[in-house]
Protein backbone atom coordinates (compact mmCIF):
# COMPACT_ATOMS: atom_id res chain seq x y z
CA MET A 1 169.00 120.21 24.20
CA LYS A 2 169.00 116.86 25.95
CA LEU A 3 165.99 117.90 28.05
CA LEU A 4 164.20 119.13 24.92
CA LYS A 5 164.86 115.86 23.11
CA ALA A 6 163.67 113.88 26.14
CA ALA A 7 160.48 115.92 26.33
CA THR A 8 159.86 115.35 22.61
CA VAL A 9 160.27 111.58 23.03
CA ILE A 10 157.88 111.53 26.00
CA ALA A 11 155.30 113.59 24.12
CA GLY A 12 155.55 111.23 21.16
CA ALA A 13 155.09 108.20 23.39
CA LEU A 14 152.05 109.80 25.02
CA ALA A 15 150.54 110.57 21.63
CA ILE A 16 150.95 106.95 20.59
CA THR A 17 149.48 105.52 23.79
CA THR A 18 146.60 107.97 24.12
CA GLY A 19 145.68 108.20 20.44
CA SER A 20 144.11 111.62 20.00
CA ALA A 21 145.69 113.21 23.08
CA PHE A 22 147.47 115.81 20.96
CA ALA A 23 144.85 116.20 18.25
CA ASP A 24 143.42 119.67 17.77
CA ASN A 25 140.64 120.35 20.24
CA LEU A 26 137.24 121.27 18.81
CA ARG A 27 135.59 124.38 20.22
CA TRP A 28 132.27 124.85 18.47
CA LYS A 29 129.46 127.36 18.82
CA MET A 30 126.11 125.72 18.07
CA PRO A 31 122.94 127.81 17.71
CA VAL A 32 119.75 125.76 17.99
CA ALA A 33 116.35 126.16 16.37
CA PHE A 34 114.43 124.92 19.43
CA SER A 35 114.65 125.85 23.08
CA THR A 36 116.52 123.13 24.94
CA ASN A 37 113.66 122.83 27.46
CA LEU A 38 111.46 121.26 24.75
CA PRO A 39 111.48 117.47 25.30
CA GLY A 40 112.73 115.35 22.41
CA LEU A 41 112.94 118.35 20.09
CA GLY A 42 115.39 120.70 21.79
CA SER A 43 116.66 118.60 24.68
CA PRO A 44 118.87 116.31 22.52
CA ALA A 45 121.05 119.28 21.51
CA ALA A 46 121.93 120.06 25.14
CA TRP A 47 122.45 116.38 25.94
CA VAL A 48 124.83 115.91 23.00
CA ALA A 49 126.87 118.98 23.94
CA ASP A 50 127.29 117.76 27.53
CA ASN A 51 127.99 114.18 26.49
CA LEU A 52 130.64 115.18 23.95
CA THR A 53 132.56 117.19 26.53
CA THR A 54 132.45 114.36 29.07
CA ALA A 55 133.17 111.48 26.69
CA SER A 56 136.00 113.31 24.90
CA ASP A 57 137.56 114.41 28.18
CA GLY A 58 137.29 118.00 26.98
CA SER A 59 138.64 117.44 23.46
CA ILE A 60 135.24 118.44 22.05
CA GLN A 61 133.39 121.36 23.59
CA VAL A 62 130.15 122.55 22.02
CA ARG A 63 128.53 125.70 23.35
CA VAL A 64 124.77 125.76 22.78
CA TYR A 65 123.03 129.06 22.01
CA GLU A 66 119.28 129.19 22.54
CA PRO A 67 117.07 130.27 19.59
CA GLY A 68 117.84 133.77 18.35
CA LYS A 69 120.72 134.38 20.79
CA LEU A 70 123.40 133.99 18.12
CA VAL A 71 121.66 133.11 14.85
CA PRO A 72 117.96 133.35 13.88
CA PRO A 73 116.44 129.83 13.77
CA PHE A 74 115.80 129.93 10.02
CA ASP A 75 119.38 131.10 9.24
CA ILE A 76 121.22 128.16 10.77
CA LEU A 77 122.01 126.35 7.50
CA ASP A 78 123.57 129.40 5.83
CA SER A 79 125.50 130.35 8.97
CA VAL A 80 127.02 126.88 9.28
CA SER A 81 127.80 126.55 5.58
CA ASP A 82 129.44 129.99 5.48
CA GLY A 83 131.56 129.20 8.55
CA LYS A 84 130.02 131.91 10.73
CA VAL A 85 129.40 129.16 13.28
CA SER A 86 130.91 125.68 13.41
CA ALA A 87 127.65 123.80 13.95
CA GLY A 88 123.91 124.21 14.34
CA TYR A 89 121.00 122.06 15.50
CA THR A 90 117.75 122.34 13.56
CA TRP A 91 114.79 120.82 11.76
CA ILE A 92 116.11 120.93 8.21
CA GLY A 93 112.64 121.06 6.66
CA TYR A 94 112.74 124.82 7.27
CA ASP A 95 115.13 125.04 4.31
CA GLN A 96 112.89 123.49 1.66
CA GLY A 97 112.95 126.75 -0.30
CA LYS A 98 116.74 126.47 -0.64
CA VAL A 99 117.18 122.69 -0.79
CA PRO A 100 113.91 121.15 -2.08
CA ALA A 101 114.75 117.56 -1.11
CA VAL A 102 115.52 118.13 2.58
CA PRO A 103 111.90 117.85 3.82
CA LEU A 104 112.05 114.16 2.90
CA PHE A 105 114.69 113.83 5.65
CA ALA A 106 112.71 115.93 8.12
CA ALA A 107 109.01 114.97 7.96
CA VAL A 108 106.95 113.43 5.17
CA PRO A 109 103.13 113.60 5.11
CA PHE A 110 101.72 110.07 5.43
CA GLY A 111 105.35 109.00 5.80
CA MET A 112 107.20 106.47 7.87
CA LYS A 113 107.01 105.82 11.59
CA PRO A 114 110.17 107.07 13.30
CA TRP A 115 111.78 103.65 13.66
CA ALA A 116 111.06 102.85 10.01
CA TYR A 117 112.60 106.16 8.95
CA ILE A 118 115.85 105.53 10.83
CA GLY A 119 115.92 102.02 9.34
CA TRP A 120 115.87 103.52 5.86
CA TYR A 121 118.24 106.34 6.83
CA TYR A 122 120.96 104.20 8.38
CA TYR A 123 120.67 101.11 6.19
CA GLY A 124 118.88 102.21 3.00
CA GLY A 125 121.36 104.82 1.83
CA GLY A 126 119.59 107.83 3.30
CA GLU A 127 122.59 109.11 5.25
CA GLN A 128 124.78 109.44 2.15
CA MET A 129 121.91 110.81 0.08
CA LEU A 130 121.50 113.67 2.53
CA GLN A 131 125.17 114.63 2.23
CA ASP A 132 124.82 114.55 -1.57
CA VAL A 133 121.64 116.66 -1.48
CA TYR A 134 123.44 119.46 0.37
CA ALA A 135 126.57 119.22 -1.78
CA ASN A 136 124.54 119.32 -4.99
CA LYS A 137 123.03 122.63 -3.93
CA GLY A 138 126.42 124.09 -2.99
CA TYR A 139 126.24 123.86 0.81
CA ASN A 140 129.42 123.20 2.76
CA VAL A 141 127.92 121.10 5.56
CA HIS A 142 128.01 117.64 7.05
CA ALA A 143 124.57 116.60 8.32
CA GLN A 144 124.32 114.27 11.32
CA LEU A 145 120.95 112.82 12.35
CA CYS A 146 120.77 113.84 16.01
CA GLY A 147 117.18 113.52 17.21
CA ILE A 148 113.79 112.14 16.28
CA ILE A 149 110.31 112.20 17.75
CA GLY A 150 107.04 110.50 16.93
CA PRO A 151 103.90 112.03 15.44
CA GLU A 152 102.91 115.62 15.93
CA THR A 153 99.29 116.58 16.37
CA ALA A 154 97.54 117.84 13.24
CA GLY A 155 97.34 121.26 14.84
CA TRP A 156 95.54 123.57 17.25
CA TYR A 157 92.45 125.40 15.97
CA ARG A 158 90.27 128.24 17.16
CA ASN A 159 87.23 126.61 15.54
CA LYS A 160 86.30 122.99 14.96
CA ILE A 161 87.55 121.45 11.70
CA GLU A 162 84.82 119.27 10.21
CA SER A 163 85.84 119.02 6.55
CA LEU A 164 88.64 119.99 4.19
CA ASP A 165 86.54 122.99 3.12
CA ASP A 166 87.25 124.48 6.54
CA TYR A 167 90.87 125.02 5.48
CA LYS A 168 89.88 127.49 2.75
CA GLY A 169 91.09 130.92 3.78
CA LEU A 170 92.33 129.65 7.16
CA LYS A 171 95.41 131.52 8.41
CA ILE A 172 97.59 128.72 9.73
CA ARG A 173 101.21 128.14 10.66
CA PHE A 174 102.18 124.86 9.04
CA ALA A 175 105.65 123.56 8.18
CA GLY A 176 107.27 121.60 5.39
CA LEU A 177 105.51 119.51 2.79
CA GLY A 178 102.35 119.44 4.88
CA GLY A 179 102.12 123.18 4.37
CA LYS A 180 102.14 122.69 0.61
CA VAL A 181 99.25 120.23 0.98
CA LEU A 182 97.17 122.76 2.93
CA GLU A 183 97.96 125.48 0.39
CA LYS A 184 96.41 123.25 -2.27
CA LEU A 185 93.31 123.11 -0.07
CA GLY A 186 93.09 126.91 0.00
CA ALA A 187 94.71 127.66 3.37
CA SER A 188 96.87 130.73 3.88
CA VAL A 189 100.03 129.05 5.20
CA THR A 190 102.71 130.99 7.05
CA MET A 191 105.94 129.99 8.76
CA MET A 192 107.25 131.36 12.04
CA PRO A 193 109.44 130.02 14.87
CA GLY A 194 107.85 128.20 17.79
CA GLY A 195 108.58 130.99 20.24
CA GLU A 196 106.30 133.38 18.34
CA LEU A 197 103.26 131.14 18.03
CA TYR A 198 101.50 131.74 21.35
CA GLN A 199 101.38 135.48 20.78
CA ALA A 200 100.31 135.02 17.14
CA LEU A 201 97.39 132.82 18.23
CA GLU A 202 96.45 135.14 21.07
CA LYS A 203 96.41 138.24 18.84
CA GLY A 204 94.60 136.50 15.99
CA THR A 205 97.51 136.89 13.57
CA ILE A 206 96.88 133.23 12.81
CA ASP A 207 93.74 131.12 13.28
CA ALA A 208 95.55 127.87 13.90
CA THR A 209 98.98 126.30 14.21
CA GLU A 210 100.80 123.03 14.26
CA PHE A 211 104.15 122.75 15.97
CA SER A 212 104.88 119.46 17.67
CA MET A 213 103.70 116.73 20.03
CA PRO A 214 101.55 117.28 23.16
CA ALA A 215 104.49 117.38 25.62
CA ILE A 216 105.92 120.33 23.68
CA ASP A 217 102.69 122.10 22.75
CA GLN A 218 101.76 122.23 26.43
CA ILE A 219 105.00 124.07 27.27
CA LEU A 220 104.25 126.59 24.52
CA GLY A 221 100.77 127.09 25.97
CA PHE A 222 98.58 126.51 22.90
CA ASP A 223 95.88 124.90 25.06
CA GLN A 224 95.48 128.20 26.92
CA VAL A 225 94.44 130.02 23.73
CA VAL A 226 92.53 127.56 21.54
CA LYS A 227 90.68 124.38 22.42
CA TYR A 228 90.49 122.22 19.31
CA ASN A 229 93.44 119.83 18.92
CA LEU A 230 93.35 117.60 15.84
CA PHE A 231 94.69 114.03 15.38
CA PRO A 232 96.43 112.11 13.87
CA GLY A 233 99.46 114.10 12.76
CA TRP A 234 99.22 112.98 9.14
CA HIS A 235 101.76 115.57 8.02
CA GLN A 236 104.56 114.50 10.40
CA GLN A 237 104.55 110.91 11.53
CA PHE A 238 108.22 111.40 12.32
CA THR A 239 110.12 114.62 12.95
CA ALA A 240 113.90 114.37 12.57
CA GLN A 241 116.45 116.91 13.81
CA TYR A 242 120.04 117.23 12.66
CA MET A 243 123.34 118.59 13.83
CA LEU A 244 124.69 120.50 10.84
CA ILE A 245 128.47 120.84 10.96
CA ASN A 246 130.60 123.06 8.77
CA LYS A 247 132.31 120.67 6.33
CA ASP A 248 135.77 122.16 6.92
CA GLU A 249 135.32 121.71 10.68
CA TRP A 250 134.13 118.16 10.13
CA ASN A 251 137.10 117.35 7.91
CA ARG A 252 139.64 118.61 10.45
CA ALA A 253 138.18 116.44 13.21
CA THR A 254 140.04 113.21 13.94
CA LYS A 255 138.52 109.80 13.26
CA ALA A 256 138.00 109.39 17.01
CA GLN A 257 136.26 112.74 17.31
CA LYS A 258 134.00 111.98 14.34
CA ALA A 259 133.13 108.59 15.78
CA LEU A 260 132.25 110.19 19.11
CA ILE A 261 130.00 112.79 17.45
CA GLU A 262 128.25 110.08 15.44
CA ALA A 263 127.79 107.88 18.52
CA SER A 264 126.51 110.76 20.66
CA CYS A 265 123.99 111.83 18.02
CA THR A 266 122.79 108.25 17.55
CA ALA A 267 122.25 108.00 21.31
CA ALA A 268 120.47 111.37 21.30
CA THR A 269 118.15 110.12 18.56
CA THR A 270 117.12 107.19 20.76
CA ARG A 271 116.76 109.34 23.86
CA GLY A 272 114.68 111.98 22.07
CA LEU A 273 112.21 109.39 20.81
CA ALA A 274 112.04 107.77 24.25
CA GLU A 275 111.37 111.09 26.01
CA GLY A 276 108.45 111.94 23.76
CA GLU A 277 106.88 108.50 23.98
CA TYR A 278 107.16 108.58 27.76
CA LYS A 279 105.58 112.00 28.25
CA ASN A 280 102.91 112.42 25.58
CA GLY A 281 100.16 110.14 26.94
CA LYS A 282 100.01 111.83 30.33
CA VAL A 283 100.00 115.32 28.80
CA LEU A 284 97.28 114.45 26.30
CA ALA A 285 95.09 112.95 29.04
CA GLY A 286 95.56 116.16 31.02
CA PHE A 287 94.47 118.27 28.04
CA GLN A 288 91.23 116.38 27.81
CA ASP A 289 90.57 116.82 31.53
CA GLU A 290 91.00 120.60 31.04
CA GLY A 291 88.42 120.87 28.26
CA VAL A 292 90.58 120.55 25.17
CA HIS A 293 88.73 118.76 22.37
CA ALA A 294 90.99 116.09 20.91
CA ASP A 295 89.21 115.50 17.61
CA GLN A 296 90.04 112.58 15.34
CA ILE A 297 90.13 113.15 11.58
CA PRO A 298 87.66 110.74 9.90
CA ARG A 299 89.20 108.10 7.65
CA GLU A 300 87.49 109.44 4.52
CA VAL A 301 89.04 112.86 5.16
CA LEU A 302 92.46 111.28 5.73
CA GLU A 303 92.12 109.49 2.41
CA LYS A 304 91.49 112.82 0.68
CA LEU A 305 94.48 114.37 2.42
CA LYS A 306 96.62 111.45 1.31
CA SER A 307 95.48 111.90 -2.28
CA VAL A 308 96.46 115.58 -2.24
CA THR A 309 99.76 114.65 -0.56
CA GLU A 310 100.60 112.24 -3.38
CA GLU A 311 99.95 115.03 -5.89
CA VAL A 312 102.32 117.36 -4.02
CA LEU A 313 105.09 114.76 -3.74
CA LYS A 314 104.91 113.93 -7.44
CA GLU A 315 104.98 117.63 -8.34
CA GLU A 316 108.06 118.20 -6.16
CA ALA A 317 109.78 115.12 -7.64
CA ALA A 318 109.19 116.46 -11.15
CA LYS A 319 110.88 119.76 -10.25
CA ASP A 320 114.05 118.49 -8.52
CA ALA A 321 116.26 115.51 -9.38
CA ASP A 322 117.45 115.03 -5.78
CA PHE A 323 113.88 115.04 -4.48
CA LYS A 324 112.94 112.42 -7.08
CA LYS A 325 115.87 110.16 -6.17
CA VAL A 326 115.23 110.30 -2.42
CA TYR A 327 111.44 109.96 -2.78
CA GLU A 328 111.78 106.88 -5.00
CA SER A 329 114.26 105.32 -2.56
CA GLN A 330 111.86 105.79 0.33
CA GLN A 331 108.92 104.42 -1.66
CA ASP A 332 110.93 101.33 -2.66
CA PHE A 333 111.77 100.68 0.99
CA LEU A 334 108.13 101.08 2.04
CA LYS A 335 106.95 98.43 -0.42
CA THR A 336 108.58 95.71 1.65
CA TYR A 337 108.44 97.45 5.03
CA LYS A 338 104.63 97.61 4.88
CA VAL A 339 104.52 93.82 4.67
CA TRP A 340 106.36 93.68 8.00
CA ASP A 341 104.55 96.65 9.55
CA LYS A 342 101.07 95.30 8.78
CA ARG A 343 101.71 91.83 10.18
CA ALA A 344 104.15 92.38 13.04
CA TYR A 345 102.53 95.02 15.25
CA LEU A 346 99.46 94.63 17.42
CA PRO A 347 96.43 96.86 16.68
CA ALA A 348 96.50 99.95 18.90
CA ASP A 349 93.04 99.17 20.33
CA LEU A 350 93.82 95.58 21.37
């Protein structure tokens, strides 16, 4: 008995001095929507998993499952909410049919630059709004911003796009709110995971696709099948990824564990943006050397696309109260941010 009491006292002292030493360990399975070899898009998930294990001294261990190995990419939200897996890493815009407001946290046509978006998200109430959006639709998840990249291209096309009329009847893979814009223009919009796109282009199942930035599109091989690459990526000026965590799992984590997850994901967001910005210029220059036509959308066409985008956003806001609240918050932020953005940054051609 004396030995048992002594051991109890020592254990108590260790718990006090080491804080979370005797907290429950977290052992999470985390399916991902993107292959972890994709820079800035999939790579942050692997980095976060490794960093959490190291920084927590093994208290948090997250096992990453590549796309489709455990959960289909488009089923991640439901699987996390239902507790089938503890966490998932995804682009939440895939779930716009279930949670209409989430595309505003994923990619907004003619939306913010990535650093402006995270400014609004962290300091303009966006982080709490996202938790409320999920809760209001009955999902049992905690959403943690865990990656962001800069603009995508406006897609890869078999034939040259010279006007908006060229979208009529076009079979194209296009995601999120941008897809709704192209549907208004008469395109036949479909959604499929990134891993299926090369084959779909090659077989002619689709005529065109957008997916991501040049450093990623090159890995997926789009330039080997079609030769018209369109810019700028009006539909996704930022692309944000999130670690979705089952709310019960999140609640049982200690304060220290939560803080470490938040810090790791914040670091991953910075690293993901940095990786894309570092790699894209070289890849894009290489495309042009290999005969890819990097066509620029004329300003008058962009203005028409923006007009249609505004119609779509207003329509979505009229249908869903959460969408309306988030959209208005972002627009209020942009009123003052544009003053700073217009004056502070050098012109790209200077």
